[in-house]
Amino acid sequence: MEDALPYQILADTILVLHVVFVLFVILALPLIFIGKALHWRWVKNFWFRLTHVVAIGAVVMQAWIGVLCPLTTIEARFRVLSGQETYQGTFIQFWLHRLLYYDAPMWVFSVIYTLFGLAVLLSWLLVPPERGNHNR
């Protein structure tokens, strides 16, 4: 099915972007605290911090209103258009899915996302962002 290849590539691309987004949301928080301890000025960059808080805020809101992540929905649609079943496919796809998706009741995710979101907000108090050039 030659027409399916572009959709498979798009689905894999969305999956990689999804993993990058998740890694950004998760890893930015410890980096902020590590950066404070090591005096990394970039961790106080206002735009970096705003992007981080907006990203986790979107995740928390989706969880509270019961909306599936749009990246998950888009990826699944491309998988269907490519003739694939969702959550099966290439080696990279298989391992990225194992890393990103797991089974638990929705309320568990809502609690985890909310607690993580509160930790991100707490980081704004403990390591307040600053406007200006902090890329050093």
C-alpha atoms as a PDB file:
ATOM      1  CA  MET A   1       0.000   0.000   0.000  1.00  0.00           C
ATOM      2  CA  GLU A   2       2.166   2.806  -1.371  1.00  0.00           C
ATOM      3  CA  ASP A   3      -0.350   5.543  -0.488  1.00  0.00           C
ATOM      4  CA  ALA A   4      -0.090   4.546   3.169  1.00  0.00           C
ATOM      5  CA  LEU A   5       3.604   5.432   3.541  1.00  0.00           C
ATOM      6  CA  PRO A   6       3.122   9.226   3.895  1.00  0.00           C
ATOM      7  CA  TYR A   7       0.546   8.652   6.645  1.00  0.00           C
ATOM      8  CA  GLN A   8       2.856   6.235   8.452  1.00  0.00           C
ATOM      9  CA  ILE A   9       5.666   8.800   8.281  1.00  0.00           C
ATOM     10  CA  LEU A  10       3.327  11.504   9.589  1.00  0.00           C
ATOM     11  CA  ALA A  11       2.155   9.228  12.417  1.00  0.00           C
ATOM     12  CA  ASP A  12       5.745   8.398  13.401  1.00  0.00           C
ATOM     13  CA  THR A  13       6.661  12.091  13.249  1.00  0.00           C
ATOM     14  CA  ILE A  14       3.755  13.007  15.529  1.00  0.00           C
ATOM     15  CA  LEU A  15       4.817  10.254  17.921  1.00  0.00           C
ATOM     16  CA  VAL A  16       8.383  11.589  18.072  1.00  0.00           C
ATOM     17  CA  LEU A  17       7.087  15.139  18.644  1.00  0.00           C
ATOM     18  CA  HIS A  18       4.837  13.811  21.400  1.00  0.00           C
ATOM     19  CA  VAL A  19       7.776  12.144  23.144  1.00  0.00           C
ATOM     20  CA  VAL A  20       9.861  15.327  22.806  1.00  0.00           C
ATOM     21  CA  PHE A  21       6.982  17.334  24.328  1.00  0.00           C
ATOM     22  CA  VAL A  22       6.674  14.890  27.245  1.00  0.00           C
ATOM     23  CA  LEU A  23      10.434  14.923  27.826  1.00  0.00           C
ATOM     24  CA  PHE A  24      10.439  18.739  27.811  1.00  0.00           C
ATOM     25  CA  VAL A  25       7.625  18.906  30.349  1.00  0.00           C
ATOM     26  CA  ILE A  26       9.196  16.312  32.629  1.00  0.00           C
ATOM     27  CA  LEU A  27      12.898  17.164  32.358  1.00  0.00           C
ATOM     28  CA  ALA A  28      12.555  20.946  32.506  1.00  0.00           C
ATOM     29  CA  LEU A  29      11.398  20.825  36.133  1.00  0.00           C
ATOM     30  CA  PRO A  30      14.451  19.049  37.597  1.00  0.00           C
ATOM     31  CA  LEU A  31      16.702  21.129  35.322  1.00  0.00           C
ATOM     32  CA  ILE A  32      15.206  24.287  36.833  1.00  0.00           C
ATOM     33  CA  PHE A  33      16.119  23.184  40.348  1.00  0.00           C
ATOM     34  CA  ILE A  34      19.516  21.818  39.310  1.00  0.00           C
ATOM     35  CA  GLY A  35      20.133  25.059  37.425  1.00  0.00           C
ATOM     36  CA  LYS A  36      19.307  27.100  40.500  1.00  0.00           C
ATOM     37  CA  ALA A  37      21.810  25.101  42.559  1.00  0.00           C
ATOM     38  CA  LEU A  38      24.486  25.404  39.851  1.00  0.00           C
ATOM     39  CA  HIS A  39      23.677  29.061  39.060  1.00  0.00           C
ATOM     40  CA  TRP A  40      22.613  28.430  35.474  1.00  0.00           C
ATOM     41  CA  ARG A  41      21.013  31.711  34.497  1.00  0.00           C
ATOM     42  CA  TRP A  42      19.078  30.255  31.537  1.00  0.00           C
ATOM     43  CA  VAL A  43      16.730  28.367  33.890  1.00  0.00           C
ATOM     44  CA  LYS A  44      15.300  31.743  34.906  1.00  0.00           C
ATOM     45  CA  ASN A  45      14.579  32.733  31.310  1.00  0.00           C
ATOM     46  CA  PHE A  46      11.019  34.018  31.282  1.00  0.00           C
ATOM     47  CA  TRP A  47      10.081  32.563  27.882  1.00  0.00           C
ATOM     48  CA  PHE A  48      11.492  29.126  28.693  1.00  0.00           C
ATOM     49  CA  ARG A  49       9.598  29.115  31.982  1.00  0.00           C
ATOM     50  CA  LEU A  50       6.372  30.424  30.430  1.00  0.00           C
ATOM     51  CA  THR A  51       6.531  27.754  27.725  1.00  0.00           C
ATOM     52  CA  HIS A  52       7.018  25.120  30.410  1.00  0.00           C
ATOM     53  CA  VAL A  53       4.129  26.261  32.607  1.00  0.00           C
ATOM     54  CA  VAL A  54       1.801  26.600  29.606  1.00  0.00           C
ATOM     55  CA  ALA A  55       2.748  23.101  28.404  1.00  0.00           C
ATOM     56  CA  ILE A  56       1.955  21.429  31.739  1.00  0.00           C
ATOM     57  CA  GLY A  57      -1.104  23.665  32.125  1.00  0.00           C
ATOM     58  CA  ALA A  58      -2.481  22.337  28.845  1.00  0.00           C
ATOM     59  CA  VAL A  59      -1.877  18.750  29.987  1.00  0.00           C
ATOM     60  CA  VAL A  60      -3.599  19.379  33.336  1.00  0.00           C
ATOM     61  CA  MET A  61      -6.599  21.060  31.674  1.00  0.00           C
ATOM     62  CA  GLN A  62      -7.016  18.197  29.202  1.00  0.00           C
ATOM     63  CA  ALA A  63      -6.926  15.711  32.054  1.00  0.00           C
ATOM     64  CA  TRP A  64      -9.475  17.611  34.132  1.00  0.00           C
ATOM     65  CA  ILE A  65     -11.947  18.048  31.277  1.00  0.00           C
ATOM     66  CA  GLY A  66     -11.400  14.506  30.035  1.00  0.00           C
ATOM     67  CA  VAL A  67     -10.030  15.352  26.603  1.00  0.00           C
ATOM     68  CA  LEU A  68      -7.546  13.012  24.965  1.00  0.00           C
ATOM     69  CA  CYS A  69      -4.275  14.687  23.970  1.00  0.00           C
ATOM     70  CA  PRO A  70      -4.587  16.058  20.426  1.00  0.00           C
ATOM     71  CA  LEU A  71      -1.209  14.566  19.498  1.00  0.00           C
ATOM     72  CA  THR A  72      -2.497  11.117  20.430  1.00  0.00           C
ATOM     73  CA  THR A  73      -5.656  11.672  18.386  1.00  0.00           C
ATOM     74  CA  ILE A  74      -3.774  12.949  15.335  1.00  0.00           C
ATOM     75  CA  GLU A  75      -1.259  10.124  15.468  1.00  0.00           C
ATOM     76  CA  ALA A  76      -4.026   7.512  15.752  1.00  0.00           C
ATOM     77  CA  ARG A  77      -5.829   9.049  12.765  1.00  0.00           C
ATOM     78  CA  PHE A  78      -2.687   8.872  10.636  1.00  0.00           C
ATOM     79  CA  ARG A  79      -2.158   5.260  11.704  1.00  0.00           C
ATOM     80  CA  VAL A  80      -5.691   4.391  10.576  1.00  0.00           C
ATOM     81  CA  LEU A  81      -5.159   6.218   7.258  1.00  0.00           C
ATOM     82  CA  SER A  82      -1.931   4.270   6.733  1.00  0.00           C
ATOM     83  CA  GLY A  83      -3.762   0.979   7.291  1.00  0.00           C
ATOM     84  CA  GLN A  84      -1.984   0.310  10.576  1.00  0.00           C
ATOM     85  CA  GLU A  85      -3.622  -0.666  13.792  1.00  0.00           C
ATOM     86  CA  THR A  86      -2.906   1.859  16.483  1.00  0.00           C
ATOM     87  CA  TYR A  87       0.023   1.085  18.760  1.00  0.00           C
ATOM     88  CA  GLN A  88       1.632  -1.441  16.443  1.00  0.00           C
ATOM     89  CA  GLY A  89       4.247  -0.924  13.790  1.00  0.00           C
ATOM     90  CA  THR A  90       7.927  -0.117  13.445  1.00  0.00           C
ATOM     91  CA  PHE A  91      10.627  -0.732  16.050  1.00  0.00           C
ATOM     92  CA  ILE A  92      10.907   2.980  16.918  1.00  0.00           C
ATOM     93  CA  GLN A  93       7.149   3.312  17.066  1.00  0.00           C
ATOM     94  CA  PHE A  94       6.854   0.274  19.338  1.00  0.00           C
ATOM     95  CA  TRP A  95       9.412   1.529  21.875  1.00  0.00           C
ATOM     96  CA  LEU A  96       8.210   5.123  21.855  1.00  0.00           C
ATOM     97  CA  HIS A  97       4.686   3.853  22.510  1.00  0.00           C
ATOM     98  CA  ARG A  98       5.917   1.660  25.377  1.00  0.00           C
ATOM     99  CA  LEU A  99       7.656   4.699  26.857  1.00  0.00           C
ATOM    100  CA  LEU A 100       4.720   7.060  26.421  1.00  0.00           C
ATOM    101  CA  TYR A 101       1.519   5.057  26.853  1.00  0.00           C
ATOM    102  CA  TYR A 102       0.445   2.884  29.757  1.00  0.00           C
ATOM    103  CA  ASP A 103      -2.841   1.645  31.175  1.00  0.00           C
ATOM    104  CA  ALA A 104      -4.353   3.251  34.258  1.00  0.00           C
ATOM    105  CA  PRO A 105      -7.701   4.812  35.102  1.00  0.00           C
ATOM    106  CA  MET A 106      -8.056   8.397  33.849  1.00  0.00           C
ATOM    107  CA  TRP A 107      -8.274   9.775  37.397  1.00  0.00           C
ATOM    108  CA  VAL A 108      -4.742   8.494  38.066  1.00  0.00           C
ATOM    109  CA  PHE A 109      -3.421  10.601  35.194  1.00  0.00           C
ATOM    110  CA  SER A 110      -5.421  13.610  36.377  1.00  0.00           C
ATOM    111  CA  VAL A 111      -3.881  13.355  39.851  1.00  0.00           C
ATOM    112  CA  ILE A 112      -0.340  12.868  38.501  1.00  0.00           C
ATOM    113  CA  TYR A 113      -0.659  15.733  36.008  1.00  0.00           C
ATOM    114  CA  THR A 114      -2.170  18.028  38.639  1.00  0.00           C
ATOM    115  CA  LEU A 115       0.558  17.284  41.196  1.00  0.00           C
ATOM    116  CA  PHE A 116       3.240  17.793  38.570  1.00  0.00           C
ATOM    117  CA  GLY A 117       1.571  21.047  37.485  1.00  0.00           C
ATOM    118  CA  LEU A 118       1.590  22.234  41.101  1.00  0.00           C
ATOM    119  CA  ALA A 119       5.295  21.379  41.313  1.00  0.00           C
ATOM    120  CA  VAL A 120       5.913  23.497  38.205  1.00  0.00           C
ATOM    121  CA  LEU A 121       4.010  26.388  39.783  1.00  0.00           C
ATOM    122  CA  LEU A 122       6.031  25.935  42.967  1.00  0.00           C
ATOM    123  CA  SER A 123       9.191  26.228  40.875  1.00  0.00           C
ATOM    124  CA  TRP A 124       7.999  29.727  39.877  1.00  0.00           C
ATOM    125  CA  LEU A 125       8.069  30.670  43.559  1.00  0.00           C
ATOM    126  CA  LEU A 126      11.336  28.935  44.442  1.00  0.00           C
ATOM    127  CA  VAL A 127      13.193  29.808  41.221  1.00  0.00           C
ATOM    128  CA  PRO A 128      11.382  32.881  39.898  1.00  0.00           C
ATOM    129  CA  PRO A 129      11.819  33.568  36.188  1.00  0.00           C
ATOM    130  CA  GLU A 130      13.361  36.848  35.106  1.00  0.00           C
ATOM    131  CA  ARG A 131      13.013  38.816  31.915  1.00  0.00           C
ATOM    132  CA  GLY A 132      16.206  39.602  30.053  1.00  0.00           C
ATOM    133  CA  ASN A 133      19.124  37.691  28.581  1.00  0.00           C
ATOM    134  CA  HIS A 134      19.786  34.542  30.643  1.00  0.00           C
ATOM    135  CA  ASN A 135      21.394  32.348  28.042  1.00  0.00           C
ATOM    136  CA  ARG A 136      24.788  32.307  29.766  1.00  0.00           C
END
